């Protein structure tokens, strides 16, 4: 599981790993994108939380989870 503070950083990271976009999921305040590379899947989801451990700044975090299908 990796965390990014900017969506473009997360998408560039996935592109470097040769993942391809599959589907976008939006329901109320939940947003997620599914990517695929062979049998490997990646879910890029958003959460609202603290941007880092050392400050009280809050914002949107992009969390990347991978699993094998």
PDB file of N, CA and C in Angstrom:
ATOM      1  N   UNK A   1       0.848  -1.165   0.000  1.00  0.00           N
ATOM      2  CA  UNK A   1       0.000   0.000   0.000  1.00  0.00           C
ATOM      3  C   UNK A   1       0.899   1.235   0.000  1.00  0.00           C
ATOM      4  N   UNK A   2       0.667   2.130  -0.952  1.00  0.00           N
ATOM      5  CA  UNK A   2       1.419   3.367  -1.051  1.00  0.00           C
ATOM      6  C   UNK A   2       0.467   4.544  -1.025  1.00  0.00           C
ATOM      7  N   UNK A   3       0.945   5.663  -0.491  1.00  0.00           N
ATOM      8  CA  UNK A   3       0.124   6.857  -0.375  1.00  0.00           C
ATOM      9  C   UNK A   3       0.762   8.001  -1.141  1.00  0.00           C
ATOM     10  N   UNK A   4      -0.067   8.740  -1.869  1.00  0.00           N
ATOM     11  CA  UNK A   4       0.364   9.901  -2.631  1.00  0.00           C
ATOM     12  C   UNK A   4      -0.498  11.085  -2.234  1.00  0.00           C
ATOM     13  N   UNK A   5       0.034  12.305  -2.365  1.00  0.00           N
ATOM     14  CA  UNK A   5      -0.751  13.503  -2.068  1.00  0.00           C
ATOM     15  C   UNK A   5      -1.287  14.160  -3.330  1.00  0.00           C
ATOM     16  N   UNK A   6      -0.883  13.662  -4.491  1.00  0.00           N
ATOM     17  CA  UNK A   6      -1.313  14.230  -5.765  1.00  0.00           C
ATOM     18  C   UNK A   6      -1.696  13.085  -6.707  1.00  0.00           C
ATOM     19  N   UNK A   7      -2.813  13.232  -7.393  1.00  0.00           N
ATOM     20  CA  UNK A   7      -3.283  12.173  -8.287  1.00  0.00           C
ATOM     21  C   UNK A   7      -2.332  11.967  -9.466  1.00  0.00           C
ATOM     22  N   UNK A   8      -1.744  13.039  -9.970  1.00  0.00           N
ATOM     23  CA  UNK A   8      -0.844  12.898 -11.117  1.00  0.00           C
ATOM     24  C   UNK A   8       0.389  12.079 -10.760  1.00  0.00           C
ATOM     25  N   UNK A   9       0.893  12.212  -9.534  1.00  0.00           N
ATOM     26  CA  UNK A   9       2.031  11.395  -9.090  1.00  0.00           C
ATOM     27  C   UNK A   9       1.657   9.924  -9.076  1.00  0.00           C
ATOM     28  N   UNK A  10       0.475   9.617  -8.592  1.00  0.00           N
ATOM     29  CA  UNK A  10       0.027   8.229  -8.509  1.00  0.00           C
ATOM     30  C   UNK A  10      -0.167   7.629  -9.901  1.00  0.00           C
ATOM     31  N   UNK A  11      -0.769   8.395 -10.815  1.00  0.00           N
ATOM     32  CA  UNK A  11      -1.002   7.901 -12.175  1.00  0.00           C
ATOM     33  C   UNK A  11       0.324   7.713 -12.913  1.00  0.00           C
ATOM     34  N   UNK A  12       1.266   8.640 -12.741  1.00  0.00           N
ATOM     35  CA  UNK A  12       2.587   8.487 -13.362  1.00  0.00           C
ATOM     36  C   UNK A  12       3.302   7.246 -12.831  1.00  0.00           C
ATOM     37  N   UNK A  13       3.172   6.986 -11.546  1.00  0.00           N
ATOM     38  CA  UNK A  13       3.774   5.796 -10.949  1.00  0.00           C
ATOM     39  C   UNK A  13       3.181   4.522 -11.567  1.00  0.00           C
ATOM     40  N   UNK A  14       1.858   4.495 -11.733  1.00  0.00           N
ATOM     41  CA  UNK A  14       1.203   3.340 -12.345  1.00  0.00           C
ATOM     42  C   UNK A  14       1.612   3.173 -13.809  1.00  0.00           C
ATOM     43  N   UNK A  15       1.757   4.272 -14.523  1.00  0.00           N
ATOM     44  CA  UNK A  15       2.179   4.202 -15.924  1.00  0.00           C
ATOM     45  C   UNK A  15       3.606   3.681 -16.046  1.00  0.00           C
ATOM     46  N   UNK A  16       4.484   4.055 -15.119  1.00  0.00           N
ATOM     47  CA  UNK A  16       5.861   3.548 -15.131  1.00  0.00           C
ATOM     48  C   UNK A  16       5.891   2.037 -14.913  1.00  0.00           C
ATOM     49  N   UNK A  17       4.918   1.520 -14.151  1.00  0.00           N
ATOM     50  CA  UNK A  17       4.828   0.082 -13.897  1.00  0.00           C
ATOM     51  C   UNK A  17       4.028  -0.650 -14.974  1.00  0.00           C
ATOM     52  N   UNK A  18       3.641   0.054 -16.035  1.00  0.00           N
ATOM     53  CA  UNK A  18       2.908  -0.506 -17.179  1.00  0.00           C
ATOM     54  C   UNK A  18       1.507  -1.000 -16.841  1.00  0.00           C
ATOM     55  N   UNK A  19       0.837  -0.343 -15.900  1.00  0.00           N
ATOM     56  CA  UNK A  19      -0.561  -0.656 -15.617  1.00  0.00           C
ATOM     57  C   UNK A  19      -1.439   0.081 -16.614  1.00  0.00           C
ATOM     58  N   UNK A  20      -2.567  -0.497 -16.982  1.00  0.00           N
ATOM     59  CA  UNK A  20      -3.505   0.160 -17.879  1.00  0.00           C
ATOM     60  C   UNK A  20      -4.833   0.387 -17.153  1.00  0.00           C
ATOM     61  N   UNK A  21      -5.470   1.499 -17.464  1.00  0.00           N
ATOM     62  CA  UNK A  21      -6.725   1.894 -16.831  1.00  0.00           C
ATOM     63  C   UNK A  21      -7.850   0.958 -17.251  1.00  0.00           C
ATOM     64  N   UNK A  22      -8.693   0.560 -16.292  1.00  0.00           N
ATOM     65  CA  UNK A  22      -9.810  -0.334 -16.577  1.00  0.00           C
ATOM     66  C   UNK A  22     -11.153   0.335 -16.316  1.00  0.00           C
ATOM     67  N   UNK A  23     -11.333   0.889 -15.108  1.00  0.00           N
ATOM     68  CA  UNK A  23     -12.660   1.355 -14.712  1.00  0.00           C
ATOM     69  C   UNK A  23     -12.547   2.435 -13.639  1.00  0.00           C
ATOM     70  N   UNK A  24     -13.534   3.347 -13.641  1.00  0.00           N
ATOM     71  CA  UNK A  24     -13.611   4.367 -12.600  1.00  0.00           C
ATOM     72  C   UNK A  24     -14.907   4.173 -11.820  1.00  0.00           C
ATOM     73  N   UNK A  25     -14.809   4.247 -10.503  1.00  0.00           N
ATOM     74  CA  UNK A  25     -15.962   4.041  -9.631  1.00  0.00           C
ATOM     75  C   UNK A  25     -16.193   5.324  -8.835  1.00  0.00           C
ATOM     76  N   UNK A  26     -17.415   5.859  -8.890  1.00  0.00           N
ATOM     77  CA  UNK A  26     -17.772   7.051  -8.124  1.00  0.00           C
ATOM     78  C   UNK A  26     -19.128   6.809  -7.479  1.00  0.00           C
ATOM     79  N   UNK A  27     -19.148   6.897  -6.162  1.00  0.00           N
ATOM     80  CA  UNK A  27     -20.402   6.754  -5.426  1.00  0.00           C
ATOM     81  C   UNK A  27     -20.352   7.687  -4.228  1.00  0.00           C
ATOM     82  N   UNK A  28     -21.218   8.679  -4.231  1.00  0.00           N
ATOM     83  CA  UNK A  28     -21.252   9.713  -3.201  1.00  0.00           C
ATOM     84  C   UNK A  28     -19.864  10.333  -3.062  1.00  0.00           C
ATOM     85  N   UNK A  29     -19.213  10.189  -1.925  1.00  0.00           N
ATOM     86  CA  UNK A  29     -17.893  10.792  -1.760  1.00  0.00           C
ATOM     87  C   UNK A  29     -16.753   9.807  -1.983  1.00  0.00           C
ATOM     88  N   UNK A  30     -17.067   8.588  -2.369  1.00  0.00           N
ATOM     89  CA  UNK A  30     -16.045   7.580  -2.640  1.00  0.00           C
ATOM     90  C   UNK A  30     -15.665   7.622  -4.111  1.00  0.00           C
ATOM     91  N   UNK A  31     -14.376   7.752  -4.378  1.00  0.00           N
ATOM     92  CA  UNK A  31     -13.874   7.726  -5.746  1.00  0.00           C
ATOM     93  C   UNK A  31     -12.738   6.727  -5.815  1.00  0.00           C
ATOM     94  N   UNK A  32     -12.732   5.915  -6.866  1.00  0.00           N
ATOM     95  CA  UNK A  32     -11.673   4.923  -7.033  1.00  0.00           C
ATOM     96  C   UNK A  32     -11.479   4.639  -8.521  1.00  0.00           C
ATOM     97  N   UNK A  33     -10.264   4.227  -8.864  1.00  0.00           N
ATOM     98  CA  UNK A  33      -9.942   3.823 -10.228  1.00  0.00           C
ATOM     99  C   UNK A  33      -9.255   2.466 -10.157  1.00  0.00           C
ATOM    100  N   UNK A  34      -9.611   1.597 -11.095  1.00  0.00           N
ATOM    101  CA  UNK A  34      -9.019   0.263 -11.144  1.00  0.00           C
ATOM    102  C   UNK A  34      -8.087   0.183 -12.345  1.00  0.00           C
ATOM    103  N   UNK A  35      -6.899  -0.344 -12.116  1.00  0.00           N
ATOM    104  CA  UNK A  35      -5.891  -0.524 -13.156  1.00  0.00           C
ATOM    105  C   UNK A  35      -5.521  -2.002 -13.219  1.00  0.00           C
ATOM    106  N   UNK A  36      -4.938  -2.438 -14.351  1.00  0.00           N
ATOM    107  CA  UNK A  36      -4.608  -3.844 -14.521  1.00  0.00           C
ATOM    108  C   UNK A  36      -3.301  -3.987 -15.286  1.00  0.00           C
ATOM    109  N   UNK A  37      -2.589  -5.061 -14.932  1.00  0.00           N
ATOM    110  CA  UNK A  37      -1.362  -5.450 -15.630  1.00  0.00           C
ATOM    111  C   UNK A  37      -1.299  -6.973 -15.563  1.00  0.00           C
ATOM    112  N   UNK A  38      -1.779  -7.630 -16.620  1.00  0.00           N
ATOM    113  CA  UNK A  38      -1.850  -9.092 -16.601  1.00  0.00           C
ATOM    114  C   UNK A  38      -2.830  -9.552 -15.539  1.00  0.00           C
ATOM    115  N   UNK A  39      -2.363 -10.389 -14.616  1.00  0.00           N
ATOM    116  CA  UNK A  39      -3.218 -10.865 -13.523  1.00  0.00           C
ATOM    117  C   UNK A  39      -3.160  -9.954 -12.303  1.00  0.00           C
ATOM    118  N   UNK A  40      -2.305  -8.948 -12.321  1.00  0.00           N
ATOM    119  CA  UNK A  40      -2.147  -8.021 -11.205  1.00  0.00           C
ATOM    120  C   UNK A  40      -3.132  -6.864 -11.349  1.00  0.00           C
ATOM    121  N   UNK A  41      -3.805  -6.522 -10.273  1.00  0.00           N
ATOM    122  CA  UNK A  41      -4.770  -5.421 -10.261  1.00  0.00           C
ATOM    123  C   UNK A  41      -4.301  -4.359  -9.272  1.00  0.00           C
ATOM    124  N   UNK A  42      -4.685  -3.108  -9.529  1.00  0.00           N
ATOM    125  CA  UNK A  42      -4.361  -1.996  -8.641  1.00  0.00           C
ATOM    126  C   UNK A  42      -5.604  -1.135  -8.456  1.00  0.00           C
ATOM    127  N   UNK A  43      -5.844  -0.712  -7.225  1.00  0.00           N
ATOM    128  CA  UNK A  43      -6.968   0.147  -6.889  1.00  0.00           C
ATOM    129  C   UNK A  43      -6.416   1.453  -6.344  1.00  0.00           C
ATOM    130  N   UNK A  44      -6.735   2.551  -7.016  1.00  0.00           N
ATOM    131  CA  UNK A  44      -6.332   3.881  -6.580  1.00  0.00           C
ATOM    132  C   UNK A  44      -7.563   4.555  -6.001  1.00  0.00           C
ATOM    133  N   UNK A  45      -7.611   4.704  -4.679  1.00  0.00           N
ATOM    134  CA  UNK A  45      -8.782   5.275  -4.021  1.00  0.00           C
ATOM    135  C   UNK A  45      -8.405   6.556  -3.287  1.00  0.00           C
ATOM    136  N   UNK A  46      -9.405   7.363  -2.967  1.00  0.00           N
ATOM    137  CA  UNK A  46      -9.171   8.628  -2.283  1.00  0.00           C
ATOM    138  C   UNK A  46      -9.706   8.565  -0.862  1.00  0.00           C
ATOM    139  N   UNK A  47      -9.020   9.268   0.026  1.00  0.00           N
ATOM    140  CA  UNK A  47      -9.448   9.439   1.413  1.00  0.00           C
ATOM    141  C   UNK A  47      -9.102  10.852   1.845  1.00  0.00           C
ATOM    142  N   UNK A  48      -9.841  11.374   2.792  1.00  0.00           N
ATOM    143  CA  UNK A  48      -9.539  12.672   3.364  1.00  0.00           C
ATOM    144  C   UNK A  48      -8.830  12.431   4.684  1.00  0.00           C
ATOM    145  N   UNK A  49      -7.623  12.965   4.819  1.00  0.00           N
ATOM    146  CA  UNK A  49      -6.870  12.740   6.050  1.00  0.00           C
ATOM    147  C   UNK A  49      -5.677  13.661   6.149  1.00  0.00           C
ATOM    148  N   UNK A  50      -4.813  13.366   7.118  1.00  0.00           N
ATOM    149  CA  UNK A  50      -3.617  14.162   7.333  1.00  0.00           C
ATOM    150  C   UNK A  50      -2.611  13.902   6.215  1.00  0.00           C
ATOM    151  N   UNK A  51      -2.014  14.981   5.695  1.00  0.00           N
ATOM    152  CA  UNK A  51      -1.090  14.860   4.574  1.00  0.00           C
ATOM    153  C   UNK A  51       0.234  14.232   4.972  1.00  0.00           C
ATOM    154  N   UNK A  52       0.687  14.459   6.211  1.00  0.00           N
ATOM    155  CA  UNK A  52       1.883  13.777   6.712  1.00  0.00           C
ATOM    156  C   UNK A  52       1.798  13.651   8.224  1.00  0.00           C
ATOM    157  N   UNK A  53       2.764  12.967   8.810  1.00  0.00           N
ATOM    158  CA  UNK A  53       2.725  12.670  10.244  1.00  0.00           C
ATOM    159  C   UNK A  53       3.105  13.855  11.117  1.00  0.00           C
ATOM    160  N   UNK A  54       3.753  14.851  10.539  1.00  0.00           N
ATOM    161  CA  UNK A  54       4.344  15.914  11.345  1.00  0.00           C
ATOM    162  C   UNK A  54       3.583  17.232  11.321  1.00  0.00           C
ATOM    163  N   UNK A  55       2.454  17.304  10.651  1.00  0.00           N
ATOM    164  CA  UNK A  55       1.687  18.544  10.616  1.00  0.00           C
ATOM    165  C   UNK A  55       0.204  18.237  10.750  1.00  0.00           C
ATOM    166  N   UNK A  56      -0.553  19.274  10.986  1.00  0.00           N
ATOM    167  CA  UNK A  56      -2.002  19.122  11.116  1.00  0.00           C
ATOM    168  C   UNK A  56      -2.728  19.447   9.810  1.00  0.00           C
ATOM    169  N   UNK A  57      -1.983  19.578   8.704  1.00  0.00           N
ATOM    170  CA  UNK A  57      -2.583  19.863   7.403  1.00  0.00           C
ATOM    171  C   UNK A  57      -3.385  18.658   6.928  1.00  0.00           C
ATOM    172  N   UNK A  58      -4.609  18.919   6.490  1.00  0.00           N
ATOM    173  CA  UNK A  58      -5.464  17.847   5.997  1.00  0.00           C
ATOM    174  C   UNK A  58      -5.788  18.083   4.532  1.00  0.00           C
ATOM    175  N   UNK A  59      -6.007  16.991   3.808  1.00  0.00           N
ATOM    176  CA  UNK A  59      -6.346  17.087   2.395  1.00  0.00           C
ATOM    177  C   UNK A  59      -6.656  15.713   1.833  1.00  0.00           C
ATOM    178  N   UNK A  60      -6.743  15.634   0.525  1.00  0.00           N
ATOM    179  CA  UNK A  60      -7.064  14.382  -0.153  1.00  0.00           C
ATOM    180  C   UNK A  60      -5.814  13.532  -0.300  1.00  0.00           C
ATOM    181  N   UNK A  61      -5.905  12.284   0.109  1.00  0.00           N
ATOM    182  CA  UNK A  61      -4.827  11.317  -0.042  1.00  0.00           C
ATOM    183  C   UNK A  61      -5.236  10.298  -1.097  1.00  0.00           C
ATOM    184  N   UNK A  62      -4.299   9.908  -1.922  1.00  0.00           N
ATOM    185  CA  UNK A  62      -4.534   8.895  -2.947  1.00  0.00           C
ATOM    186  C   UNK A  62      -3.802   7.631  -2.508  1.00  0.00           C
ATOM    187  N   UNK A  63      -4.553   6.575  -2.247  1.00  0.00           N
ATOM    188  CA  UNK A  63      -4.005   5.336  -1.704  1.00  0.00           C
ATOM    189  C   UNK A  63      -4.046   4.262  -2.774  1.00  0.00           C
ATOM    190  N   UNK A  64      -2.906   3.620  -2.977  1.00  0.00           N
ATOM    191  CA  UNK A  64      -2.760   2.611  -4.015  1.00  0.00           C
ATOM    192  C   UNK A  64      -2.607   1.221  -3.374  1.00  0.00           C
ATOM    193  N   UNK A  65      -3.550   0.339  -3.666  1.00  0.00           N
ATOM    194  CA  UNK A  65      -3.499  -1.049  -3.207  1.00  0.00           C
ATOM    195  C   UNK A  65      -3.374  -1.964  -4.424  1.00  0.00           C
ATOM    196  N   UNK A  66      -2.583  -3.010  -4.311  1.00  0.00           N
ATOM    197  CA  UNK A  66      -2.454  -3.985  -5.409  1.00  0.00           C
ATOM    198  C   UNK A  66      -2.782  -5.374  -4.889  1.00  0.00           C
ATOM    199  N   UNK A  67      -3.278  -6.212  -5.771  1.00  0.00           N
ATOM    200  CA  UNK A  67      -3.547  -7.597  -5.458  1.00  0.00           C
ATOM    201  C   UNK A  67      -3.478  -8.411  -6.736  1.00  0.00           C
ATOM    202  N   UNK A  68      -3.357  -9.716  -6.565  1.00  0.00           N
ATOM    203  CA  UNK A  68      -3.294 -10.606  -7.720  1.00  0.00           C
ATOM    204  C   UNK A  68      -4.632 -11.303  -7.885  1.00  0.00           C
ATOM    205  N   UNK A  69      -5.113 -11.321  -9.119  1.00  0.00           N
ATOM    206  CA  UNK A  69      -6.436 -11.875  -9.435  1.00  0.00           C
ATOM    207  C   UNK A  69      -6.327 -13.334  -9.760  1.00  0.00           C
TER     208      UNK A  69
END
